[in-house]
Amino acid sequence: MLTHFDIFGEISRPFSSSSESASYLATARDRFQVLNLSYWFLGRSQHTPDKLTWLSTYDERYMNTYMKQTTPLGDPAFEVCFHRLLPLDWAELRDSNETVIHMQETAEQFGIGKQGISFPIRDPGFGEAMFSVNFQCDDGEWSSVRTELASTFHLFAHYFHLRMKDLILSNPENRNYDLSPREREVLRWAAEGKTAWETARLLNVSERAIRLYTENAISKLNAKTKTQAVAIAVKNAIIH
């Protein structure tokens, strides 16, 4: 039986740091006796800026593997989740295509359970987020467990997002001219004339991930094109 979540008895102040929010997420995982919890902030563009916007209790090795092989742009859960108002049961996608099957097999190698629910969070004027709860049980048990998880975490997901908002706004990684190390690296290679394909192989990540980092850098620098983003980055000594 899950621990009851009483929204009126919870702390309402914003998180003061990323470490505090990560620690709270880990404590919540143990408190509710689930396998993992995960929070993505996607921003207004529905593109994920970088791994720094991803808080989770997953194995760090899995998070790195996910960003190299899949990224949110290649994860069907994001597309499906944000075309609906109701939570997404991972079982709905489990055998939908080879990409999902491979993702599940990879996740299980890092101790991630096959059962889970993802909750879309829409915050008009601020951005979109997705909160997920991961669980391990037999398919026969999942129906009753799922009902309990959905009841508890639908509210908790929005509560966690509310406490994250001020931190997201104040975090320098999300300011226009403060790019993540990976975004700087991608622009640096672009400045040397490397294509997305060439950069992907130099950094040992997918070409999709390179496009993701590039799009986010363009957005942060208020540029229209990659060429313009590189010019702005050079002019402002963001890359050398």
C-alpha atoms as a PDB file:
ATOM      1  CA  MET A   1       0.000   0.000   0.000  1.00  0.00           C
ATOM      2  CA  LEU A   2       1.380   3.401  -0.989  1.00  0.00           C
ATOM      3  CA  THR A   3       1.899   6.118   1.572  1.00  0.00           C
ATOM      4  CA  HIS A   4      -0.934   8.643   1.362  1.00  0.00           C
ATOM      5  CA  PHE A   5       0.003  11.999  -0.175  1.00  0.00           C
ATOM      6  CA  ASP A   6      -1.598  14.902   1.668  1.00  0.00           C
ATOM      7  CA  ILE A   7      -1.070  18.051  -0.397  1.00  0.00           C
ATOM      8  CA  PHE A   8      -2.167  20.267   2.483  1.00  0.00           C
ATOM      9  CA  GLY A   9       0.493  18.849   4.763  1.00  0.00           C
ATOM     10  CA  GLU A  10       3.370  19.303   2.338  1.00  0.00           C
ATOM     11  CA  ILE A  11       5.954  22.086   2.139  1.00  0.00           C
ATOM     12  CA  SER A  12       4.894  24.601  -0.494  1.00  0.00           C
ATOM     13  CA  ARG A  13       8.037  26.731  -0.868  1.00  0.00           C
ATOM     14  CA  PRO A  14      10.090  26.427  -4.078  1.00  0.00           C
ATOM     15  CA  PHE A  15      13.210  24.276  -4.123  1.00  0.00           C
ATOM     16  CA  SER A  16      16.310  26.337  -3.420  1.00  0.00           C
ATOM     17  CA  SER A  17      18.749  24.246  -5.461  1.00  0.00           C
ATOM     18  CA  SER A  18      19.016  21.356  -7.886  1.00  0.00           C
ATOM     19  CA  SER A  19      20.561  19.208  -5.179  1.00  0.00           C
ATOM     20  CA  GLU A  20      17.590  19.844  -2.889  1.00  0.00           C
ATOM     21  CA  SER A  21      15.104  18.891  -5.601  1.00  0.00           C
ATOM     22  CA  ALA A  22      17.070  15.742  -6.482  1.00  0.00           C
ATOM     23  CA  SER A  23      17.278  14.757  -2.826  1.00  0.00           C
ATOM     24  CA  TYR A  24      13.546  15.324  -2.397  1.00  0.00           C
ATOM     25  CA  LEU A  25      12.810  13.133  -5.424  1.00  0.00           C
ATOM     26  CA  ALA A  26      14.924  10.299  -4.016  1.00  0.00           C
ATOM     27  CA  THR A  27      13.205  10.620  -0.646  1.00  0.00           C
ATOM     28  CA  ALA A  28       9.798  10.549  -2.339  1.00  0.00           C
ATOM     29  CA  ARG A  29      10.759   7.371  -4.191  1.00  0.00           C
ATOM     30  CA  ASP A  30      11.520   5.637  -0.894  1.00  0.00           C
ATOM     31  CA  ARG A  31       8.534   7.158   0.851  1.00  0.00           C
ATOM     32  CA  PHE A  32       6.063   5.899  -1.749  1.00  0.00           C
ATOM     33  CA  GLN A  33       7.911   2.593  -2.197  1.00  0.00           C
ATOM     34  CA  VAL A  34       8.242   2.835  -5.970  1.00  0.00           C
ATOM     35  CA  LEU A  35      11.204   1.883  -8.119  1.00  0.00           C
ATOM     36  CA  ASN A  36      11.960   5.255  -9.741  1.00  0.00           C
ATOM     37  CA  LEU A  37      10.653   8.782 -10.231  1.00  0.00           C
ATOM     38  CA  SER A  38      11.507  11.084 -13.125  1.00  0.00           C
ATOM     39  CA  TYR A  39      10.814  14.722 -14.035  1.00  0.00           C
ATOM     40  CA  TRP A  40      11.480  16.412 -17.384  1.00  0.00           C
ATOM     41  CA  PHE A  41      10.981  20.111 -17.995  1.00  0.00           C
ATOM     42  CA  LEU A  42      10.464  20.608 -21.721  1.00  0.00           C
ATOM     43  CA  GLY A  43       9.994  24.365 -22.017  1.00  0.00           C
ATOM     44  CA  ARG A  44       7.657  26.286 -24.270  1.00  0.00           C
ATOM     45  CA  SER A  45       9.000  24.761 -27.490  1.00  0.00           C
ATOM     46  CA  GLN A  46       8.307  21.159 -26.439  1.00  0.00           C
ATOM     47  CA  HIS A  47      11.997  20.432 -27.041  1.00  0.00           C
ATOM     48  CA  THR A  48      14.113  19.232 -24.148  1.00  0.00           C
ATOM     49  CA  PRO A  49      17.087  21.571 -23.608  1.00  0.00           C
ATOM     50  CA  ASP A  50      19.601  19.033 -22.245  1.00  0.00           C
ATOM     51  CA  LYS A  51      20.109  16.425 -19.557  1.00  0.00           C
ATOM     52  CA  LEU A  52      20.359  19.123 -16.887  1.00  0.00           C
ATOM     53  CA  THR A  53      16.577  19.568 -17.124  1.00  0.00           C
ATOM     54  CA  TRP A  54      16.073  15.889 -16.313  1.00  0.00           C
ATOM     55  CA  LEU A  55      15.785  14.963 -12.654  1.00  0.00           C
ATOM     56  CA  SER A  56      15.354  11.288 -11.881  1.00  0.00           C
ATOM     57  CA  THR A  57      16.331   8.449  -9.598  1.00  0.00           C
ATOM     58  CA  TYR A  58      17.442   6.334 -12.555  1.00  0.00           C
ATOM     59  CA  ASP A  59      20.959   4.965 -12.779  1.00  0.00           C
ATOM     60  CA  GLU A  60      23.189   7.735 -14.146  1.00  0.00           C
ATOM     61  CA  ARG A  61      24.583   5.291 -16.698  1.00  0.00           C
ATOM     62  CA  TYR A  62      21.101   4.745 -18.068  1.00  0.00           C
ATOM     63  CA  MET A  63      20.495   8.492 -18.319  1.00  0.00           C
ATOM     64  CA  ASN A  64      23.680   8.881 -20.359  1.00  0.00           C
ATOM     65  CA  THR A  65      22.739   5.948 -22.584  1.00  0.00           C
ATOM     66  CA  TYR A  66      19.250   7.343 -23.111  1.00  0.00           C
ATOM     67  CA  MET A  67      20.577  10.726 -24.227  1.00  0.00           C
ATOM     68  CA  LYS A  68      23.038   9.087 -26.623  1.00  0.00           C
ATOM     69  CA  GLN A  69      20.664   6.557 -28.169  1.00  0.00           C
ATOM     70  CA  THR A  70      17.180   8.042 -27.926  1.00  0.00           C
ATOM     71  CA  THR A  71      16.617  11.546 -26.470  1.00  0.00           C
ATOM     72  CA  PRO A  72      13.042  12.810 -25.969  1.00  0.00           C
ATOM     73  CA  LEU A  73      12.778  13.532 -29.699  1.00  0.00           C
ATOM     74  CA  GLY A  74      12.975   9.815 -30.401  1.00  0.00           C
ATOM     75  CA  ASP A  75      10.925   8.647 -27.422  1.00  0.00           C
ATOM     76  CA  PRO A  76       7.303   7.891 -28.437  1.00  0.00           C
ATOM     77  CA  ALA A  77       6.145   8.459 -24.861  1.00  0.00           C
ATOM     78  CA  PHE A  78       6.649  12.218 -25.203  1.00  0.00           C
ATOM     79  CA  GLU A  79       4.684  12.498 -28.428  1.00  0.00           C
ATOM     80  CA  VAL A  80       1.805  10.360 -27.148  1.00  0.00           C
ATOM     81  CA  CYS A  81       1.753  11.936 -23.695  1.00  0.00           C
ATOM     82  CA  PHE A  82       1.403  15.485 -25.002  1.00  0.00           C
ATOM     83  CA  HIS A  83      -1.447  14.661 -27.337  1.00  0.00           C
ATOM     84  CA  ARG A  84      -3.681  13.727 -24.443  1.00  0.00           C
ATOM     85  CA  LEU A  85      -4.834  15.000 -21.073  1.00  0.00           C
ATOM     86  CA  LEU A  86      -4.816  11.686 -19.224  1.00  0.00           C
ATOM     87  CA  PRO A  87      -1.760   9.846 -17.852  1.00  0.00           C
ATOM     88  CA  LEU A  88       0.042   7.383 -20.113  1.00  0.00           C
ATOM     89  CA  ASP A  89       0.385   3.763 -19.021  1.00  0.00           C
ATOM     90  CA  TRP A  90       3.694   2.536 -20.441  1.00  0.00           C
ATOM     91  CA  ALA A  91       1.992  -0.752 -21.318  1.00  0.00           C
ATOM     92  CA  GLU A  92       0.114   1.106 -24.058  1.00  0.00           C
ATOM     93  CA  LEU A  93       3.385   1.525 -25.960  1.00  0.00           C
ATOM     94  CA  ARG A  94       5.319  -1.537 -24.843  1.00  0.00           C
ATOM     95  CA  ASP A  95       5.048  -3.589 -28.037  1.00  0.00           C
ATOM     96  CA  SER A  96       4.125  -0.775 -30.426  1.00  0.00           C
ATOM     97  CA  ASN A  97       7.346  -0.832 -32.467  1.00  0.00           C
ATOM     98  CA  GLU A  98      10.976  -1.954 -32.452  1.00  0.00           C
ATOM     99  CA  THR A  99      12.178   1.365 -31.033  1.00  0.00           C
ATOM    100  CA  VAL A 100      10.057   0.990 -27.909  1.00  0.00           C
ATOM    101  CA  ILE A 101      11.023  -2.671 -27.495  1.00  0.00           C
ATOM    102  CA  HIS A 102      14.723  -1.751 -27.680  1.00  0.00           C
ATOM    103  CA  MET A 103      14.229   1.120 -25.219  1.00  0.00           C
ATOM    104  CA  GLN A 104      12.532  -1.214 -22.743  1.00  0.00           C
ATOM    105  CA  GLU A 105      15.246  -3.851 -23.057  1.00  0.00           C
ATOM    106  CA  THR A 106      17.934  -1.230 -22.484  1.00  0.00           C
ATOM    107  CA  ALA A 107      16.117   0.218 -19.470  1.00  0.00           C
ATOM    108  CA  GLU A 108      15.732  -3.200 -17.863  1.00  0.00           C
ATOM    109  CA  GLN A 109      19.494  -3.719 -18.139  1.00  0.00           C
ATOM    110  CA  PHE A 110      19.881  -0.791 -15.734  1.00  0.00           C
ATOM    111  CA  GLY A 111      17.315  -2.066 -13.234  1.00  0.00           C
ATOM    112  CA  ILE A 112      14.328  -0.072 -14.475  1.00  0.00           C
ATOM    113  CA  GLY A 113      10.988  -1.845 -14.140  1.00  0.00           C
ATOM    114  CA  LYS A 114       8.743  -2.406 -17.144  1.00  0.00           C
ATOM    115  CA  GLN A 115       5.663  -0.897 -15.481  1.00  0.00           C
ATOM    116  CA  GLY A 116       5.142   2.843 -15.313  1.00  0.00           C
ATOM    117  CA  ILE A 117       2.903   5.858 -15.747  1.00  0.00           C
ATOM    118  CA  SER A 118       3.781   9.256 -17.254  1.00  0.00           C
ATOM    119  CA  PHE A 119       1.811  12.393 -16.432  1.00  0.00           C
ATOM    120  CA  PRO A 120       1.725  15.360 -18.842  1.00  0.00           C
ATOM    121  CA  ILE A 121       1.989  18.748 -17.120  1.00  0.00           C
ATOM    122  CA  ARG A 122       0.841  21.803 -19.055  1.00  0.00           C
ATOM    123  CA  ASP A 123       1.641  25.176 -17.553  1.00  0.00           C
ATOM    124  CA  PRO A 124       0.394  27.939 -19.921  1.00  0.00           C
ATOM    125  CA  GLY A 125       2.899  30.753 -20.309  1.00  0.00           C
ATOM    126  CA  PHE A 126       5.654  28.761 -18.626  1.00  0.00           C
ATOM    127  CA  GLY A 127       6.158  25.464 -20.381  1.00  0.00           C
ATOM    128  CA  GLU A 128       5.449  21.769 -20.389  1.00  0.00           C
ATOM    129  CA  ALA A 129       6.802  18.965 -18.256  1.00  0.00           C
ATOM    130  CA  MET A 130       6.413  15.240 -17.858  1.00  0.00           C
ATOM    131  CA  PHE A 131       6.531  13.341 -14.577  1.00  0.00           C
ATOM    132  CA  SER A 132       6.904   9.556 -14.521  1.00  0.00           C
ATOM    133  CA  VAL A 133       6.639   6.874 -11.861  1.00  0.00           C
ATOM    134  CA  ASN A 134       8.300   3.508 -12.413  1.00  0.00           C
ATOM    135  CA  PHE A 135       7.256   0.275 -10.713  1.00  0.00           C
ATOM    136  CA  GLN A 136       8.107  -3.415 -10.817  1.00  0.00           C
ATOM    137  CA  CYS A 137       5.370  -6.045 -10.542  1.00  0.00           C
ATOM    138  CA  ASP A 138       3.726  -8.808 -12.550  1.00  0.00           C
ATOM    139  CA  ASP A 139       1.233  -7.899 -15.245  1.00  0.00           C
ATOM    140  CA  GLY A 140      -1.516  -9.498 -13.172  1.00  0.00           C
ATOM    141  CA  GLU A 141      -0.871  -7.133 -10.263  1.00  0.00           C
ATOM    142  CA  TRP A 142      -0.404  -4.042 -12.373  1.00  0.00           C
ATOM    143  CA  SER A 143      -4.071  -3.138 -12.801  1.00  0.00           C
ATOM    144  CA  SER A 144      -4.674  -2.556  -9.087  1.00  0.00           C
ATOM    145  CA  VAL A 145      -1.241  -1.006  -8.499  1.00  0.00           C
ATOM    146  CA  ARG A 146      -1.727   1.321 -11.467  1.00  0.00           C
ATOM    147  CA  THR A 147      -4.971   2.707 -10.044  1.00  0.00           C
ATOM    148  CA  GLU A 148      -3.282   3.510  -6.750  1.00  0.00           C
ATOM    149  CA  LEU A 149      -0.244   5.073  -8.407  1.00  0.00           C
ATOM    150  CA  ALA A 150      -2.370   7.233 -10.701  1.00  0.00           C
ATOM    151  CA  SER A 151      -4.402   8.511  -7.775  1.00  0.00           C
ATOM    152  CA  THR A 152      -1.324   9.441  -5.756  1.00  0.00           C
ATOM    153  CA  PHE A 153       1.051  10.738  -8.406  1.00  0.00           C
ATOM    154  CA  HIS A 154      -1.317  12.766 -10.559  1.00  0.00           C
ATOM    155  CA  LEU A 155      -1.407  15.322  -7.748  1.00  0.00           C
ATOM    156  CA  PHE A 156       2.207  14.785  -6.706  1.00  0.00           C
ATOM    157  CA  ALA A 157       3.461  15.419 -10.260  1.00  0.00           C
ATOM    158  CA  HIS A 158       1.900  18.874 -10.355  1.00  0.00           C
ATOM    159  CA  TYR A 159       3.055  19.594  -6.801  1.00  0.00           C
ATOM    160  CA  PHE A 160       6.653  18.754  -7.715  1.00  0.00           C
ATOM    161  CA  HIS A 161       6.458  20.889 -10.861  1.00  0.00           C
ATOM    162  CA  LEU A 162       5.143  23.831  -8.833  1.00  0.00           C
ATOM    163  CA  ARG A 163       8.133  23.632  -6.490  1.00  0.00           C
ATOM    164  CA  MET A 164      10.486  23.400  -9.482  1.00  0.00           C
ATOM    165  CA  LYS A 165       9.273  26.519 -11.300  1.00  0.00           C
ATOM    166  CA  ASP A 166      11.279  29.170  -9.448  1.00  0.00           C
ATOM    167  CA  LEU A 167      14.379  26.991  -9.644  1.00  0.00           C
ATOM    168  CA  ILE A 168      13.952  26.583 -13.401  1.00  0.00           C
ATOM    169  CA  LEU A 169      13.517  30.331 -13.856  1.00  0.00           C
ATOM    170  CA  SER A 170      16.535  31.207 -11.719  1.00  0.00           C
ATOM    171  CA  ASN A 171      18.805  28.432 -12.970  1.00  0.00           C
ATOM    172  CA  PRO A 172      21.528  29.955 -15.163  1.00  0.00           C
ATOM    173  CA  GLU A 173      21.447  26.895 -17.435  1.00  0.00           C
ATOM    174  CA  ASN A 174      18.105  28.142 -18.681  1.00  0.00           C
ATOM    175  CA  ARG A 175      19.069  31.719 -19.415  1.00  0.00           C
ATOM    176  CA  ASN A 176      19.486  32.643 -23.045  1.00  0.00           C
ATOM    177  CA  TYR A 177      23.241  33.197 -23.061  1.00  0.00           C
ATOM    178  CA  ASP A 178      24.255  30.418 -20.698  1.00  0.00           C
ATOM    179  CA  LEU A 179      24.585  27.288 -22.805  1.00  0.00           C
ATOM    180  CA  SER A 180      25.222  23.836 -21.423  1.00  0.00           C
ATOM    181  CA  PRO A 181      28.692  22.336 -22.027  1.00  0.00           C
ATOM    182  CA  ARG A 182      27.284  20.019 -24.701  1.00  0.00           C
ATOM    183  CA  GLU A 183      25.542  22.888 -26.519  1.00  0.00           C
ATOM    184  CA  ARG A 184      28.798  24.868 -26.549  1.00  0.00           C
ATOM    185  CA  GLU A 185      30.658  21.861 -27.887  1.00  0.00           C
ATOM    186  CA  VAL A 186      28.155  21.343 -30.699  1.00  0.00           C
ATOM    187  CA  LEU A 187      28.400  25.006 -31.729  1.00  0.00           C
ATOM    188  CA  ARG A 188      32.175  24.857 -31.532  1.00  0.00           C
ATOM    189  CA  TRP A 189      32.269  22.007 -34.042  1.00  0.00           C
ATOM    190  CA  ALA A 190      29.707  23.799 -36.216  1.00  0.00           C
ATOM    191  CA  ALA A 191      32.008  26.833 -36.244  1.00  0.00           C
ATOM    192  CA  GLU A 192      34.711  24.567 -37.671  1.00  0.00           C
ATOM    193  CA  GLY A 193      32.394  23.513 -40.465  1.00  0.00           C
ATOM    194  CA  LYS A 194      31.378  20.105 -39.140  1.00  0.00           C
ATOM    195  CA  THR A 195      27.974  18.739 -40.153  1.00  0.00           C
ATOM    196  CA  ALA A 196      25.525  17.239 -37.663  1.00  0.00           C
ATOM    197  CA  TRP A 197      26.541  13.783 -38.880  1.00  0.00           C
ATOM    198  CA  GLU A 198      30.248  14.486 -38.368  1.00  0.00           C
ATOM    199  CA  THR A 199      29.685  16.067 -34.949  1.00  0.00           C
ATOM    200  CA  ALA A 200      27.587  13.095 -33.833  1.00  0.00           C
ATOM    201  CA  ARG A 201      30.469  10.762 -34.552  1.00  0.00           C
ATOM    202  CA  LEU A 202      33.029  13.009 -32.909  1.00  0.00           C
ATOM    203  CA  LEU A 203      30.955  13.168 -29.716  1.00  0.00           C
ATOM    204  CA  ASN A 204      29.718   9.578 -29.900  1.00  0.00           C
ATOM    205  CA  VAL A 205      26.035  10.520 -29.743  1.00  0.00           C
ATOM    206  CA  SER A 206      23.154  10.220 -32.189  1.00  0.00           C
ATOM    207  CA  GLU A 207      22.619  12.719 -34.993  1.00  0.00           C
ATOM    208  CA  ARG A 208      19.181  13.340 -33.484  1.00  0.00           C
ATOM    209  CA  ALA A 209      20.835  14.422 -30.234  1.00  0.00           C
ATOM    210  CA  ILE A 210      23.088  16.850 -32.120  1.00  0.00           C
ATOM    211  CA  ARG A 211      20.065  18.433 -33.769  1.00  0.00           C
ATOM    212  CA  LEU A 212      18.418  18.693 -30.353  1.00  0.00           C
ATOM    213  CA  TYR A 213      21.404  20.504 -28.824  1.00  0.00           C
ATOM    214  CA  THR A 214      21.659  22.754 -31.876  1.00  0.00           C
ATOM    215  CA  GLU A 215      17.981  23.722 -31.788  1.00  0.00           C
ATOM    216  CA  ASN A 216      18.213  24.531 -28.110  1.00  0.00           C
ATOM    217  CA  ALA A 217      21.343  26.649 -28.587  1.00  0.00           C
ATOM    218  CA  ILE A 218      19.608  28.553 -31.394  1.00  0.00           C
ATOM    219  CA  SER A 219      16.635  29.193 -29.110  1.00  0.00           C
ATOM    220  CA  LYS A 220      18.774  30.303 -26.154  1.00  0.00           C
ATOM    221  CA  LEU A 221      20.752  32.714 -28.336  1.00  0.00           C
ATOM    222  CA  ASN A 222      17.602  34.132 -29.943  1.00  0.00           C
ATOM    223  CA  ALA A 223      19.004  33.177 -33.341  1.00  0.00           C
ATOM    224  CA  LYS A 224      17.154  32.205 -36.512  1.00  0.00           C
ATOM    225  CA  THR A 225      19.668  29.722 -37.911  1.00  0.00           C
ATOM    226  CA  LYS A 226      22.628  27.632 -36.810  1.00  0.00           C
ATOM    227  CA  THR A 227      24.979  29.972 -38.667  1.00  0.00           C
ATOM    228  CA  GLN A 228      23.593  32.954 -36.805  1.00  0.00           C
ATOM    229  CA  ALA A 229      23.844  31.102 -33.491  1.00  0.00           C
ATOM    230  CA  VAL A 230      27.514  30.359 -34.155  1.00  0.00           C
ATOM    231  CA  ALA A 231      28.146  34.023 -34.993  1.00  0.00           C
ATOM    232  CA  ILE A 232      26.459  35.190 -31.785  1.00  0.00           C
ATOM    233  CA  ALA A 233      28.379  32.625 -29.739  1.00  0.00           C
ATOM    234  CA  VAL A 234      31.712  33.726 -31.208  1.00  0.00           C
ATOM    235  CA  LYS A 235      30.927  37.433 -30.826  1.00  0.00           C
ATOM    236  CA  ASN A 236      30.008  36.992 -27.156  1.00  0.00           C
ATOM    237  CA  ALA A 237      32.974  34.708 -26.413  1.00  0.00           C
ATOM    238  CA  ILE A 238      30.635  31.825 -25.605  1.00  0.00           C
ATOM    239  CA  ILE A 239      32.839  29.614 -27.765  1.00  0.00           C
ATOM    240  CA  HIS A 240      36.474  30.177 -28.684  1.00  0.00           C
END
